[in-house]
N, C-alpha and C. Protein backbone atom coordinates (compact mmCIF):
# COMPACT_ATOMS: atom_id res chain seq x y z
N MET A 1 90.93 113.04 100.22
CA MET A 1 91.17 112.04 101.40
C MET A 1 90.06 111.15 101.18
N MET A 2 90.32 110.01 101.91
CA MET A 2 89.40 108.90 101.85
C MET A 2 88.93 108.48 103.19
N HIS A 3 87.70 107.70 103.23
CA HIS A 3 87.13 107.27 104.28
C HIS A 3 87.83 105.95 104.56
N THR A 4 88.03 105.60 105.84
CA THR A 4 88.59 104.27 106.30
C THR A 4 87.95 103.14 105.73
N ALA A 5 86.60 103.13 105.94
CA ALA A 5 85.87 102.03 105.61
C ALA A 5 85.85 101.73 104.22
N GLU A 6 85.94 102.83 103.39
CA GLU A 6 85.89 102.71 101.91
C GLU A 6 87.27 101.96 101.38
N LEU A 7 88.42 102.38 102.01
CA LEU A 7 89.65 101.90 101.50
C LEU A 7 89.79 100.56 101.99
N LEU A 8 89.38 100.15 103.15
CA LEU A 8 89.37 98.80 103.67
C LEU A 8 88.57 97.89 102.73
N LYS A 9 87.37 98.29 102.21
CA LYS A 9 86.52 97.52 101.23
C LYS A 9 87.32 97.20 100.01
N VAL A 10 87.96 98.22 99.47
CA VAL A 10 88.90 97.95 98.46
C VAL A 10 89.98 96.96 98.75
N PHE A 11 90.75 97.01 99.87
CA PHE A 11 91.66 96.13 100.21
C PHE A 11 91.06 94.76 100.38
N ALA A 12 89.77 94.63 100.89
CA ALA A 12 89.14 93.30 101.12
C ALA A 12 89.03 92.55 99.89
N GLU A 13 88.92 93.19 98.76
CA GLU A 13 88.72 92.55 97.48
C GLU A 13 90.03 91.76 97.05
N HIS A 14 91.07 92.10 97.47
CA HIS A 14 92.37 91.75 97.24
C HIS A 14 93.09 91.12 98.25
N ARG A 15 92.44 90.79 99.48
CA ARG A 15 93.03 90.10 100.73
C ARG A 15 93.66 88.83 100.40
N GLY A 16 92.93 87.89 99.76
CA GLY A 16 93.37 86.50 99.61
C GLY A 16 93.50 85.85 100.92
N ASP A 17 94.54 85.21 101.17
CA ASP A 17 94.82 84.50 102.42
C ASP A 17 95.75 85.26 103.45
N ALA A 18 95.90 86.38 103.15
CA ALA A 18 96.72 87.22 104.08
C ALA A 18 96.22 87.07 105.61
N ILE A 19 97.41 87.42 106.41
CA ILE A 19 96.95 87.74 107.82
C ILE A 19 96.97 89.05 107.86
N VAL A 20 95.89 89.55 108.61
CA VAL A 20 95.70 90.99 108.62
C VAL A 20 95.73 91.43 110.18
N VAL A 21 96.53 92.54 110.30
CA VAL A 21 96.70 93.10 111.76
C VAL A 21 95.90 94.45 111.54
N PRO A 22 94.67 94.56 111.86
CA PRO A 22 93.79 95.83 111.60
C PRO A 22 94.22 97.07 112.28
N GLY A 23 95.09 96.88 113.28
CA GLY A 23 95.48 98.15 113.96
C GLY A 23 94.29 99.16 114.37
N ARG A 24 94.52 100.33 114.37
CA ARG A 24 93.43 101.30 114.82
C ARG A 24 92.35 101.38 113.74
N GLY A 25 92.34 100.75 112.68
CA GLY A 25 91.24 100.83 111.66
C GLY A 25 90.42 99.55 111.91
N GLY A 26 90.69 98.88 113.01
CA GLY A 26 90.13 97.57 113.32
C GLY A 26 88.54 97.57 113.40
N ARG A 27 88.08 98.70 113.92
CA ARG A 27 86.47 98.45 114.05
C ARG A 27 85.83 98.52 112.76
N HIS A 28 86.44 99.11 111.70
CA HIS A 28 85.91 98.93 110.30
C HIS A 28 86.29 97.68 109.71
N TRP A 29 87.45 97.23 110.01
CA TRP A 29 87.75 95.84 109.39
C TRP A 29 87.10 94.67 109.83
N VAL A 30 86.69 94.52 111.12
CA VAL A 30 85.93 93.39 111.68
C VAL A 30 84.55 93.25 111.12
N LYS A 31 84.03 94.27 110.54
CA LYS A 31 82.67 94.34 109.91
C LYS A 31 82.90 93.90 108.41
N LEU A 32 84.07 93.93 107.76
CA LEU A 32 84.14 93.52 106.39
C LEU A 32 84.86 92.19 106.17
N SER A 33 85.57 91.83 107.12
CA SER A 33 86.49 90.52 106.87
C SER A 33 85.76 89.30 106.73
N ASP A 34 86.08 88.52 105.73
CA ASP A 34 85.36 87.21 105.61
C ASP A 34 86.23 86.11 106.21
N ARG A 35 87.38 86.35 106.69
CA ARG A 35 88.45 85.35 107.14
C ARG A 35 88.85 85.66 108.43
N GLU A 36 87.87 85.68 109.40
CA GLU A 36 88.06 86.23 110.97
C GLU A 36 89.25 85.33 111.46
N THR A 37 89.39 84.12 110.96
CA THR A 37 90.43 83.37 111.62
C THR A 37 91.78 83.77 111.31
N LEU A 38 91.98 84.61 110.33
CA LEU A 38 93.16 85.31 109.81
C LEU A 38 93.46 86.67 110.21
N ASP A 39 92.48 87.12 111.04
CA ASP A 39 92.56 88.44 111.56
C ASP A 39 93.16 88.48 112.97
N VAL A 40 94.12 89.36 113.18
CA VAL A 40 94.75 89.50 114.44
C VAL A 40 94.40 90.88 115.06
N PRO A 41 93.42 91.29 115.47
CA PRO A 41 93.01 92.37 116.14
C PRO A 41 93.66 92.56 117.51
N LEU A 42 94.41 93.45 117.82
CA LEU A 42 95.00 93.61 119.03
C LEU A 42 94.23 94.56 120.12
N GLY A 43 93.19 94.96 119.53
CA GLY A 43 92.52 96.10 120.27
C GLY A 43 93.22 97.28 120.27
N ASP A 44 93.62 97.92 121.50
CA ASP A 44 94.19 99.06 121.50
C ASP A 44 95.50 98.97 122.48
N PRO A 45 96.41 98.44 121.93
CA PRO A 45 97.78 98.25 122.82
C PRO A 45 98.49 99.69 122.86
N ALA A 46 99.56 99.65 123.63
CA ALA A 46 100.21 100.79 123.66
C ALA A 46 100.48 101.46 122.30
N MET A 47 100.60 102.74 122.07
CA MET A 47 100.68 103.14 120.71
C MET A 47 102.15 102.74 120.31
N GLY A 48 102.21 102.41 119.11
CA GLY A 48 103.46 101.92 118.44
C GLY A 48 103.62 100.29 118.50
N GLY A 49 102.78 99.76 119.12
CA GLY A 49 102.80 98.15 119.21
C GLY A 49 102.37 97.45 118.09
N HIS A 50 101.71 97.84 116.98
CA HIS A 50 101.26 97.11 116.09
C HIS A 50 102.27 96.69 115.17
N ALA A 51 103.43 97.55 114.78
CA ALA A 51 104.34 97.21 113.75
C ALA A 51 105.17 96.29 114.23
N GLY A 52 105.65 96.18 115.50
CA GLY A 52 106.52 95.16 115.92
C GLY A 52 105.72 93.81 115.94
N PHE A 53 104.63 93.81 116.22
CA PHE A 53 103.70 92.51 116.18
C PHE A 53 103.72 92.21 114.94
N ALA A 54 103.21 92.90 113.78
CA ALA A 54 103.13 92.45 112.49
C ALA A 54 104.50 91.87 111.89
N LEU A 55 105.60 92.69 112.17
CA LEU A 55 106.85 92.08 111.96
C LEU A 55 107.20 90.68 112.33
N GLY A 56 106.87 90.44 113.75
CA GLY A 56 107.02 89.25 114.15
C GLY A 56 106.21 88.11 113.43
N LEU A 57 105.06 88.50 113.06
CA LEU A 57 104.15 87.51 112.40
C LEU A 57 104.74 87.26 111.00
N ALA A 58 105.33 88.38 110.24
CA ALA A 58 105.79 88.21 108.89
C ALA A 58 107.05 87.34 108.96
N LEU A 59 107.85 87.40 110.18
CA LEU A 59 109.19 86.54 110.18
C LEU A 59 108.88 85.17 110.45
N THR A 60 107.86 84.89 111.30
CA THR A 60 107.39 83.51 111.70
C THR A 60 106.69 82.78 110.58
N GLN A 61 105.95 83.59 109.58
CA GLN A 61 105.13 83.01 108.63
C GLN A 61 105.57 83.38 107.37
N PRO A 62 106.84 83.13 106.82
CA PRO A 62 107.39 83.62 105.69
C PRO A 62 106.64 83.52 104.38
N ASN A 63 105.76 82.38 104.46
CA ASN A 63 105.13 81.97 103.24
C ASN A 63 103.69 82.62 103.16
N ARG A 64 103.35 83.52 104.00
CA ARG A 64 102.04 84.04 104.03
C ARG A 64 102.17 85.62 104.17
N ARG A 65 101.29 86.19 103.37
CA ARG A 65 101.36 87.73 103.36
C ARG A 65 100.83 88.21 104.62
N VAL A 66 101.50 89.26 105.27
CA VAL A 66 100.98 89.88 106.51
C VAL A 66 100.67 91.37 106.21
N VAL A 67 99.61 91.87 106.51
CA VAL A 67 99.19 93.21 106.31
C VAL A 67 98.75 93.78 107.52
N LEU A 68 99.47 95.03 107.74
CA LEU A 68 99.19 95.77 108.92
C LEU A 68 98.58 97.10 108.44
N PHE A 69 97.60 97.50 109.23
CA PHE A 69 96.91 98.82 109.13
C PHE A 69 97.22 99.61 110.31
N ASP A 70 98.34 100.37 110.21
CA ASP A 70 98.82 101.16 111.24
C ASP A 70 98.31 102.61 111.23
N SER A 71 98.61 103.34 112.23
CA SER A 71 98.16 104.87 112.25
C SER A 71 99.38 105.89 112.48
N GLU A 72 99.34 107.05 112.18
CA GLU A 72 100.45 107.89 112.19
C GLU A 72 100.87 107.99 113.88
N GLY A 73 99.85 107.88 114.69
CA GLY A 73 100.10 108.13 116.02
C GLY A 73 101.03 106.91 116.46
N ASP A 74 100.75 105.72 116.08
CA ASP A 74 101.47 104.61 116.31
C ASP A 74 102.96 104.74 115.69
N ILE A 75 103.02 105.20 114.41
CA ILE A 75 104.30 105.34 113.76
C ILE A 75 105.21 106.32 114.65
N LEU A 76 104.68 107.46 114.93
CA LEU A 76 105.51 108.60 115.59
C LEU A 76 105.93 108.12 116.98
N MET A 77 105.08 107.26 117.76
CA MET A 77 105.50 106.61 118.88
C MET A 77 106.68 105.72 118.82
N SER A 78 106.80 105.14 117.61
CA SER A 78 107.83 104.17 117.56
C SER A 78 108.57 104.18 116.16
N LEU A 79 109.16 105.22 115.88
CA LEU A 79 109.84 105.45 114.53
C LEU A 79 111.00 104.35 114.37
N GLY A 80 111.45 103.88 115.41
CA GLY A 80 112.46 102.95 115.26
C GLY A 80 112.08 101.61 114.52
N MET A 81 110.67 101.48 114.63
CA MET A 81 110.26 100.25 114.02
C MET A 81 110.36 100.34 112.50
N LEU A 82 110.38 101.38 111.98
CA LEU A 82 110.56 101.64 110.46
C LEU A 82 112.00 101.09 110.03
N THR A 83 112.96 101.33 110.97
CA THR A 83 114.32 100.99 110.50
C THR A 83 114.45 99.32 110.82
N THR A 84 113.74 99.05 111.91
CA THR A 84 114.03 97.64 112.14
C THR A 84 113.22 96.86 111.21
N ILE A 85 112.06 97.13 110.64
CA ILE A 85 111.49 96.43 109.47
C ILE A 85 112.27 96.48 108.33
N ALA A 86 112.81 97.56 107.97
CA ALA A 86 113.65 97.78 106.87
C ALA A 86 114.69 96.96 106.86
N GLU A 87 115.39 96.82 108.08
CA GLU A 87 116.70 96.02 108.11
C GLU A 87 116.36 94.52 108.15
N GLN A 88 115.09 94.10 108.74
CA GLN A 88 114.79 92.57 108.66
C GLN A 88 114.38 92.26 107.25
N ALA A 89 113.85 93.28 106.57
CA ALA A 89 113.23 93.10 105.14
C ALA A 89 112.43 91.92 104.93
N PRO A 90 111.37 91.69 105.56
CA PRO A 90 110.51 90.52 105.36
C PRO A 90 109.65 90.82 103.96
N PRO A 91 109.77 89.88 103.00
CA PRO A 91 109.32 90.14 101.71
C PRO A 91 107.80 89.84 101.65
N ASN A 92 107.29 89.55 102.91
CA ASN A 92 105.77 89.26 102.95
C ASN A 92 105.04 90.41 103.78
N LEU A 93 105.56 91.48 104.33
CA LEU A 93 105.02 92.48 105.01
C LEU A 93 104.65 93.64 104.22
N TYR A 94 103.39 94.06 104.27
CA TYR A 94 102.80 95.26 103.76
C TYR A 94 102.25 96.11 104.75
N HIS A 95 102.87 97.29 104.88
CA HIS A 95 102.47 98.12 105.81
C HIS A 95 101.78 99.41 105.55
N PHE A 96 100.48 99.41 105.77
CA PHE A 96 99.75 100.45 105.42
C PHE A 96 99.46 101.44 106.51
N LEU A 97 99.47 102.64 106.34
CA LEU A 97 99.38 103.65 107.25
C LEU A 97 98.09 104.64 106.99
N LEU A 98 97.16 104.52 108.11
CA LEU A 98 96.14 105.33 107.91
C LEU A 98 96.17 106.75 108.71
N ASP A 99 96.48 107.69 107.91
CA ASP A 99 96.82 109.02 108.38
C ASP A 99 95.57 110.01 108.46
N ASN A 100 95.15 110.29 109.56
CA ASN A 100 94.10 111.22 109.64
C ASN A 100 94.41 112.44 110.33
N GLY A 101 95.69 112.68 110.49
CA GLY A 101 96.12 114.07 111.12
C GLY A 101 95.87 114.29 112.47
N CYS A 102 95.28 113.30 113.21
CA CYS A 102 94.92 113.49 114.57
C CYS A 102 94.94 112.23 115.43
N TYR A 103 95.00 112.46 116.74
CA TYR A 103 94.87 111.22 117.72
C TYR A 103 93.35 111.02 117.89
N ALA A 104 92.82 110.32 116.94
CA ALA A 104 91.33 110.17 117.02
C ALA A 104 90.76 109.42 118.03
N THR A 105 91.38 108.17 118.43
CA THR A 105 91.03 107.50 119.47
C THR A 105 91.27 107.94 121.04
N THR A 106 91.80 109.26 121.15
CA THR A 106 91.67 109.88 122.40
C THR A 106 91.14 111.26 122.31
N GLY A 107 90.29 111.57 121.42
CA GLY A 107 89.68 112.95 121.37
C GLY A 107 89.82 113.79 120.19
N GLY A 108 90.81 113.62 119.37
CA GLY A 108 91.00 114.29 118.22
C GLY A 108 92.09 115.31 118.28
N GLN A 109 92.90 115.26 119.22
CA GLN A 109 94.23 116.23 119.31
C GLN A 109 94.94 116.06 118.01
N PRO A 110 95.50 117.24 117.61
CA PRO A 110 96.22 117.21 116.44
C PRO A 110 97.56 116.62 116.49
N VAL A 111 97.90 115.87 115.50
CA VAL A 111 99.25 115.40 115.40
C VAL A 111 100.28 116.51 114.91
N PRO A 112 101.28 116.76 115.71
CA PRO A 112 102.30 117.77 115.41
C PRO A 112 102.71 117.77 113.92
N ASN A 113 102.57 118.82 113.35
CA ASN A 113 103.16 118.95 111.90
C ASN A 113 102.46 118.20 111.02
N ALA A 114 101.28 117.69 111.44
CA ALA A 114 100.42 116.74 110.50
C ALA A 114 100.36 116.99 109.14
N GLN A 115 100.25 118.13 108.61
CA GLN A 115 100.10 118.50 107.14
C GLN A 115 101.41 118.48 106.40
N SER A 116 102.55 118.38 107.05
CA SER A 116 103.73 118.50 106.35
C SER A 116 104.55 117.25 106.47
N VAL A 117 104.17 116.15 107.14
CA VAL A 117 104.94 114.94 107.32
C VAL A 117 104.66 114.17 106.06
N ALA A 118 105.67 113.60 105.27
CA ALA A 118 105.49 112.71 104.27
C ALA A 118 106.02 111.29 104.79
N TYR A 119 104.93 110.56 105.24
CA TYR A 119 105.40 109.13 105.82
C TYR A 119 105.87 108.20 104.72
N ASP A 120 105.51 108.34 103.59
CA ASP A 120 106.18 107.49 102.61
C ASP A 120 107.59 107.90 102.57
N MET A 121 108.00 109.03 102.60
CA MET A 121 109.40 109.53 102.55
C MET A 121 110.23 109.05 103.80
N LEU A 122 109.50 109.03 105.02
CA LEU A 122 110.10 108.59 106.33
C LEU A 122 110.46 107.06 106.02
N ALA A 123 109.55 106.30 105.52
CA ALA A 123 109.71 104.91 105.26
C ALA A 123 110.91 104.68 104.31
N ARG A 124 110.79 105.41 103.26
CA ARG A 124 111.89 105.21 102.27
C ARG A 124 113.19 105.64 102.89
N GLY A 125 113.32 106.72 103.52
CA GLY A 125 114.45 107.07 104.35
C GLY A 125 115.07 106.05 105.39
N ALA A 126 114.10 105.32 106.06
CA ALA A 126 114.49 104.22 106.96
C ALA A 126 114.94 103.07 106.24
N GLY A 127 114.69 102.93 105.03
CA GLY A 127 115.15 101.74 104.19
C GLY A 127 114.17 100.85 103.70
N TYR A 128 112.96 101.25 103.69
CA TYR A 128 111.83 100.42 102.88
C TYR A 128 112.23 100.50 101.42
N PRO A 129 112.21 99.40 100.67
CA PRO A 129 112.63 99.63 99.16
C PRO A 129 111.59 99.94 98.41
N ARG A 130 110.27 99.99 98.93
CA ARG A 130 109.20 100.48 98.18
C ARG A 130 108.13 101.27 99.02
N ALA A 131 107.81 102.42 98.65
CA ALA A 131 106.82 103.41 99.69
C ALA A 131 105.99 104.02 98.65
N HIS A 132 104.67 104.14 99.03
CA HIS A 132 103.85 104.72 98.12
C HIS A 132 102.83 105.68 98.99
N ALA A 133 102.29 106.74 98.46
CA ALA A 133 101.32 107.68 99.03
C ALA A 133 100.12 107.97 98.37
N PHE A 134 98.79 107.70 99.01
CA PHE A 134 97.78 108.15 98.25
C PHE A 134 96.73 108.99 98.87
N THR A 135 96.18 109.97 98.21
CA THR A 135 95.11 110.72 98.93
C THR A 135 93.73 110.42 98.44
N GLU A 136 93.55 109.79 97.21
CA GLU A 136 92.28 109.48 96.44
C GLU A 136 91.94 108.04 96.37
N LEU A 137 90.75 107.73 96.72
CA LEU A 137 90.30 106.13 96.67
C LEU A 137 90.56 105.70 95.21
N ALA A 138 90.30 106.40 94.21
CA ALA A 138 90.39 105.70 92.96
C ALA A 138 91.90 105.52 92.66
N ASP A 139 92.76 106.37 92.92
CA ASP A 139 94.19 106.23 92.61
C ASP A 139 94.77 104.97 93.50
N PHE A 140 94.27 105.05 94.74
CA PHE A 140 94.64 103.68 95.56
C PHE A 140 94.31 102.43 94.87
N SER A 141 92.80 102.51 94.59
CA SER A 141 92.23 101.19 93.91
C SER A 141 92.87 100.75 92.68
N LEU A 142 93.46 101.71 91.90
CA LEU A 142 94.04 101.38 90.71
C LEU A 142 95.33 100.79 90.89
N HIS A 143 96.19 101.18 91.94
CA HIS A 143 97.43 100.82 92.10
C HIS A 143 97.56 99.59 93.08
N LEU A 144 96.65 99.27 93.95
CA LEU A 144 96.68 98.45 94.92
C LEU A 144 97.08 96.95 94.46
N PRO A 145 96.58 96.45 93.43
CA PRO A 145 96.90 95.09 92.95
C PRO A 145 98.48 94.89 92.54
N GLY A 146 98.95 96.09 92.04
CA GLY A 146 100.49 96.08 91.69
C GLY A 146 101.32 96.16 92.95
N ILE A 147 100.87 97.01 93.91
CA ILE A 147 101.50 97.17 95.22
C ILE A 147 101.61 95.66 95.94
N LEU A 148 100.46 94.89 95.93
CA LEU A 148 100.52 93.75 96.60
C LEU A 148 101.14 92.71 95.71
N ALA A 149 101.52 92.90 94.45
CA ALA A 149 102.19 91.98 93.65
C ALA A 149 103.71 92.08 94.03
N GLN A 150 104.11 93.30 94.54
CA GLN A 150 105.64 93.60 94.89
C GLN A 150 106.04 92.87 96.03
N PRO A 151 107.33 92.44 96.11
CA PRO A 151 107.82 91.96 97.41
C PRO A 151 107.93 92.91 98.39
N GLY A 152 107.75 92.68 99.69
CA GLY A 152 107.79 93.64 100.74
C GLY A 152 109.25 93.64 101.23
N PRO A 153 109.41 94.50 102.20
CA PRO A 153 108.39 95.24 102.75
C PRO A 153 108.18 96.39 102.05
N VAL A 154 106.72 96.73 101.85
CA VAL A 154 106.09 97.80 101.37
C VAL A 154 105.38 98.72 102.24
N PHE A 155 105.49 99.92 102.05
CA PHE A 155 104.88 101.03 102.96
C PHE A 155 104.01 101.96 102.04
N VAL A 156 102.80 101.96 102.58
CA VAL A 156 101.80 102.74 101.90
C VAL A 156 101.03 103.59 102.69
N ALA A 157 101.37 104.84 102.64
CA ALA A 157 100.73 106.14 103.43
C ALA A 157 99.36 106.46 102.72
N LEU A 158 98.23 106.23 103.62
CA LEU A 158 96.92 106.54 102.99
C LEU A 158 96.47 107.59 103.75
N LYS A 159 96.02 108.92 103.23
CA LYS A 159 95.51 110.12 103.93
C LYS A 159 94.03 109.70 104.10
N VAL A 160 93.35 109.72 105.28
CA VAL A 160 92.13 109.43 105.54
C VAL A 160 91.38 110.55 106.33
N LEU A 161 90.15 110.57 106.32
CA LEU A 161 89.28 111.55 106.95
C LEU A 161 89.38 111.23 108.46
N PRO A 162 89.47 112.16 109.43
CA PRO A 162 89.47 111.77 110.90
C PRO A 162 88.00 111.35 111.22
N GLU A 163 88.11 110.30 112.18
CA GLU A 163 86.82 109.88 112.63
C GLU A 163 86.96 109.84 114.31
N VAL A 164 86.83 111.13 114.93
CA VAL A 164 87.11 111.31 116.17
C VAL A 164 86.13 110.57 117.14
N GLU A 165 86.77 109.92 118.23
CA GLU A 165 85.91 109.33 119.15
C GLU A 165 86.05 110.12 120.50
N ASN A 166 84.88 110.70 120.80
CA ASN A 166 84.93 111.53 122.10
C ASN A 166 84.32 110.83 123.16
N THR A 167 83.73 109.74 123.02
CA THR A 167 83.25 108.96 124.16
C THR A 167 84.40 108.46 124.96
N PRO A 168 84.39 108.69 126.30
CA PRO A 168 85.49 108.16 127.16
C PRO A 168 85.84 106.68 126.77
N ILE A 169 86.96 106.24 126.77
CA ILE A 169 87.46 104.89 126.45
C ILE A 169 86.76 103.90 127.23
N GLY A 170 86.53 104.13 128.51
CA GLY A 170 85.83 103.12 129.35
C GLY A 170 84.34 102.92 128.98
N ARG A 171 83.53 103.88 128.32
CA ARG A 171 82.27 103.75 127.94
C ARG A 171 81.94 103.17 126.51
N ARG A 172 83.07 103.15 125.69
CA ARG A 172 82.75 102.87 124.27
C ARG A 172 82.39 101.23 124.12
N SER A 173 81.61 101.10 123.29
CA SER A 173 81.40 99.71 122.68
C SER A 173 82.58 99.13 122.17
N ARG A 174 82.87 97.89 122.42
CA ARG A 174 84.13 97.21 122.14
C ARG A 174 83.89 96.60 120.60
N TRP A 175 84.76 96.90 119.78
CA TRP A 175 84.77 96.45 118.52
C TRP A 175 85.37 94.97 118.39
N GLN A 176 86.30 94.83 119.21
CA GLN A 176 87.11 93.50 119.30
C GLN A 176 86.37 92.68 120.38
N THR A 177 85.51 91.72 119.91
CA THR A 177 84.77 90.92 120.74
C THR A 177 85.45 89.60 121.14
N ARG A 178 86.33 89.29 120.40
CA ARG A 178 86.95 88.03 120.53
C ARG A 178 88.05 88.31 121.62
N THR A 179 88.24 87.27 122.41
CA THR A 179 89.41 87.08 123.35
C THR A 179 90.81 86.98 122.67
N ARG A 180 91.74 87.49 123.35
CA ARG A 180 93.14 87.31 122.77
C ARG A 180 93.34 85.57 122.67
N ASP A 181 93.04 84.83 123.65
CA ASP A 181 93.27 83.48 123.37
C ASP A 181 92.63 82.91 122.32
N SER A 182 91.45 83.46 121.99
CA SER A 182 90.73 82.83 120.92
C SER A 182 91.21 83.29 119.50
N VAL A 183 91.81 84.50 119.50
CA VAL A 183 92.41 85.12 118.24
C VAL A 183 93.61 84.14 117.93
N ILE A 184 94.43 83.92 118.95
CA ILE A 184 95.71 83.19 118.86
C ILE A 184 95.31 81.73 118.38
N GLN A 185 94.32 80.97 119.32
CA GLN A 185 94.04 79.75 118.67
C GLN A 185 93.31 79.66 117.48
N ASP A 186 92.47 80.51 116.99
CA ASP A 186 92.03 80.51 115.56
C ASP A 186 93.12 80.71 114.50
N LEU A 187 94.10 81.67 114.82
CA LEU A 187 95.33 81.79 113.98
C LEU A 187 96.09 80.59 113.88
N ARG A 188 96.37 79.91 114.91
CA ARG A 188 97.37 78.88 115.01
C ARG A 188 96.53 77.70 114.18
N SER A 189 95.34 77.50 114.56
CA SER A 189 94.54 76.39 113.73
C SER A 189 94.57 76.73 112.13
N GLU A 190 94.28 77.95 111.89
CA GLU A 190 94.18 78.32 110.39
C GLU A 190 95.64 78.15 109.74
N LEU A 191 96.74 78.36 110.40
CA LEU A 191 98.09 78.19 109.97
C LEU A 191 98.67 76.65 110.12
N GLY A 192 97.78 75.85 110.57
CA GLY A 192 98.19 74.46 110.75
C GLY A 192 99.22 74.24 111.74
N LEU A 193 99.10 75.05 112.88
CA LEU A 193 100.15 74.93 114.03
C LEU A 193 99.66 74.10 115.22
N GLY A 194 98.35 73.63 115.01
CA GLY A 194 97.83 72.85 116.19
C GLY A 194 97.25 73.66 117.20
N GLY A 195 97.07 73.40 118.50
CA GLY A 195 96.37 74.03 119.62
C GLY A 195 97.14 75.09 120.07
N ALA A 196 96.89 75.42 121.34
CA ALA A 196 97.50 76.53 122.11
C ALA A 196 98.99 76.33 122.34
N ALA A 197 99.77 77.46 122.28
CA ALA A 197 101.12 77.43 122.36
C ALA A 197 101.58 76.91 123.62
């Protein structure tokens, strides 16, 4: 299994000018990113919300790679998004799943059947043309450039070590310090879309 921060460091080397939706791995990503204006951290929306948002970005920005770091809790809360993404088939969407086997942001409750679910097979069964799974950092590092060279949608399941947050949500320090309005304004500016919508 991998540490989330380590695999995100590997990805950061290959990011280029991709728009990144860091999902539940966001607190690690904001420390690594050197293109904050292309990061779209949503904080902690309702579980399952990241994939639909990333799909929308990919469809509206077809000339820009969009990378999502999702969680298995999010996937399980919104399995229909896998079929929707597969049907829309955005060639610029790269869907990475950080699978830690538990609901880490709410105290570490185990995900049902966590050790038996093959998320890459779920994605393939939903219609993703390409799906991969990795448990070791060296293997992921070796294959990542080739994965990013493939047209999307691509799904990549990554087995990561759990990092359980037991502090009550209201007492946690916020990793997302930019306001929603500033995130949108920065992204619109970076994409050459002018000021606020």
